[in-house]
C-alpha atoms as a PDB file:
ATOM      1  CA  MET A   1     -69.729-131.985 -35.219  1.00  0.00           C
ATOM      2  CA  GLY A   2     -70.816-128.766 -36.888  1.00  0.00           C
ATOM      3  CA  SER A   3     -69.872-126.146 -37.463  1.00  0.00           C
ATOM      4  CA  VAL A   4     -70.925-122.423 -36.501  1.00  0.00           C
ATOM      5  CA  LEU A   5     -68.268-119.669 -38.415  1.00  0.00           C
ATOM      6  CA  GLY A   6     -66.153-122.546 -40.129  1.00  0.00           C
ATOM      7  CA  PHE A   7     -65.011-123.113 -36.851  1.00  0.00           C
ATOM      8  CA  PRO A   8     -65.038-127.212 -35.879  1.00  0.00           C
ATOM      9  CA  GLY A   9     -66.987-128.463 -33.661  1.00  0.00           C
ATOM     10  CA  ILE A  10     -66.630-130.452 -30.152  1.00  0.00           C
ATOM     11  CA  ASP A  11     -66.258-134.195 -30.595  1.00  0.00           C
ATOM     12  CA  PRO A  12     -67.949-135.429 -27.772  1.00  0.00           C
ATOM     13  CA  LEU A  13     -66.040-138.143 -27.040  1.00  0.00           C
ATOM     14  CA  ASP A  14     -62.375-135.613 -26.519  1.00  0.00           C
ATOM     15  CA  ALA A  15     -64.753-133.026 -24.148  1.00  0.00           C
ATOM     16  CA  ALA A  16     -66.069-136.008 -22.304  1.00  0.00           C
ATOM     17  CA  ILE A  17     -62.092-137.246 -21.688  1.00  0.00           C
ATOM     18  CA  GLY A  18     -60.939-133.366 -21.502  1.00  0.00           C
ATOM     19  CA  ALA A  19     -63.599-133.135 -18.633  1.00  0.00           C
ATOM     20  CA  ARG A  20     -62.157-136.204 -16.871  1.00  0.00           C
ATOM     21  CA  LEU A  21     -58.433-135.694 -17.193  1.00  0.00           C
ATOM     22  CA  LYS A  22     -59.270-131.716 -15.795  1.00  0.00           C
ATOM     23  CA  ARG A  23     -61.377-133.287 -12.617  1.00  0.00           C
ATOM     24  CA  TRP A  24     -58.548-136.281 -12.069  1.00  0.00           C
ATOM     25  CA  ARG A  25     -55.674-133.894 -12.222  1.00  0.00           C
ATOM     26  CA  GLU A  26     -56.910-131.309 -10.238  1.00  0.00           C
ATOM     27  CA  GLN A  27     -57.830-133.563  -8.103  1.00  0.00           C
ATOM     28  CA  ARG A  28     -54.125-134.820  -7.617  1.00  0.00           C
ATOM     29  CA  GLY A  29     -53.168-131.194  -7.599  1.00  0.00           C
ATOM     30  CA  ILE A  30     -51.362-131.965 -10.495  1.00  0.00           C
ATOM     31  CA  PRO A  31     -50.234-128.482 -12.041  1.00  0.00           C
ATOM     32  CA  ILE A  32     -51.506-128.250 -15.986  1.00  0.00           C
ATOM     33  CA  ASP A  33     -47.665-127.912 -17.141  1.00  0.00           C
ATOM     34  CA  ASP A  34     -46.477-131.255 -15.584  1.00  0.00           C
ATOM     35  CA  LEU A  35     -49.546-133.136 -16.815  1.00  0.00           C
ATOM     36  CA  ALA A  36     -48.376-131.278 -20.156  1.00  0.00           C
ATOM     37  CA  ARG A  37     -44.704-131.684 -20.454  1.00  0.00           C
ATOM     38  CA  ALA A  38     -45.776-135.717 -19.753  1.00  0.00           C
ATOM     39  CA  ILE A  39     -47.762-135.441 -22.378  1.00  0.00           C
ATOM     40  CA  ALA A  40     -46.051-134.431 -25.036  1.00  0.00           C
ATOM     41  CA  MET A  41     -47.736-130.886 -25.455  1.00  0.00           C
ATOM     42  CA  SER A  42     -47.900-127.201 -24.610  1.00  0.00           C
ATOM     43  CA  PRO A  43     -49.597-126.494 -21.396  1.00  0.00           C
ATOM     44  CA  GLU A  44     -52.142-124.191 -24.685  1.00  0.00           C
ATOM     45  CA  ASP A  45     -53.041-127.398 -25.810  1.00  0.00           C
ATOM     46  CA  ALA A  46     -53.198-129.868 -22.388  1.00  0.00           C
ATOM     47  CA  ARG A  47     -55.265-126.592 -21.215  1.00  0.00           C
ATOM     48  CA  ARG A  48     -57.546-127.540 -24.789  1.00  0.00           C
ATOM     49  CA  ALA A  49     -57.832-130.714 -24.087  1.00  0.00           C
ATOM     50  CA  GLU A  50     -58.948-130.296 -21.093  1.00  0.00           C
ATOM     51  CA  ALA A  51     -61.914-128.137 -22.250  1.00  0.00           C
ATOM     52  CA  GLY A  52     -61.988-130.736 -25.245  1.00  0.00           C
ATOM     53  CA  ARG A  53     -61.137-128.577 -28.465  1.00  0.00           C
ATOM     54  CA  ALA A  54     -57.933-130.484 -28.938  1.00  0.00           C
ATOM     55  CA  HIS A  55     -57.863-134.943 -29.442  1.00  0.00           C
ATOM     56  CA  LEU A  56     -55.474-136.845 -27.109  1.00  0.00           C
ATOM     57  CA  THR A  57     -54.103-139.778 -29.021  1.00  0.00           C
ATOM     58  CA  THR A  58     -53.826-142.790 -27.464  1.00  0.00           C
ATOM     59  CA  ALA A  59     -50.637-142.998 -26.488  1.00  0.00           C
ATOM     60  CA  GLN A  60     -51.270-139.139 -24.758  1.00  0.00           C
ATOM     61  CA  ILE A  61     -53.818-141.021 -22.085  1.00  0.00           C
ATOM     62  CA  GLY A  62     -52.545-143.295 -21.544  1.00  0.00           C
ATOM     63  CA  ALA A  63     -48.867-141.299 -20.680  1.00  0.00           C
ATOM     64  CA  ALA A  64     -51.826-139.334 -19.058  1.00  0.00           C
ATOM     65  CA  THR A  65     -53.017-142.028 -16.552  1.00  0.00           C
ATOM     66  CA  ALA A  66     -49.869-143.251 -15.448  1.00  0.00           C
ATOM     67  CA  HIS A  67     -48.393-139.841 -15.110  1.00  0.00           C
ATOM     68  CA  LEU A  68     -51.863-139.315 -12.353  1.00  0.00           C
ATOM     69  CA  ARG A  69     -51.245-143.180 -11.279  1.00  0.00           C
ATOM     70  CA  LEU A  70     -54.118-143.970 -13.151  1.00  0.00           C
ATOM     71  CA  PRO A  71     -55.639-146.567 -13.785  1.00  0.00           C
ATOM     72  CA  LEU A  72     -56.690-146.024 -18.242  1.00  0.00           C
ATOM     73  CA  TRP A  73     -60.630-146.689 -17.914  1.00  0.00           C
ATOM     74  CA  ALA A  74     -60.369-143.337 -15.841  1.00  0.00           C
ATOM     75  CA  LEU A  75     -60.208-141.130 -18.477  1.00  0.00           C
ATOM     76  CA  VAL A  76     -62.405-143.482 -20.838  1.00  0.00           C
ATOM     77  CA  SER A  77     -65.438-144.320 -18.702  1.00  0.00           C
ATOM     78  CA  ASP A  78     -66.975-144.023 -15.390  1.00  0.00           C
ATOM     79  CA  THR A  79     -67.570-146.985 -14.813  1.00  0.00           C
ATOM     80  CA  ARG A  80     -64.678-148.983 -13.584  1.00  0.00           C
ATOM     81  CA  ALA A  81     -63.748-151.740 -16.503  1.00  0.00           C
ATOM     82  CA  TYR A  82     -63.555-154.537 -13.680  1.00  0.00           C
END
């Protein structure tokens, strides 16, 4: 990760997880405010996570998958884990 003008770069893994999170949340029709509450983040931080600009902890990823009723692999991979 490089930086431009002192801003940190985006971690490709955070960007991939964020994109998957947003895609699943929108497919499920869940408002960002509800998801943010479920993962103990502010709605602004949840938007940043979906954009790949904030890191989600393993606990937050677990809470997100539970709230979205998904298996864990759905946020960390596009390939089924089983």
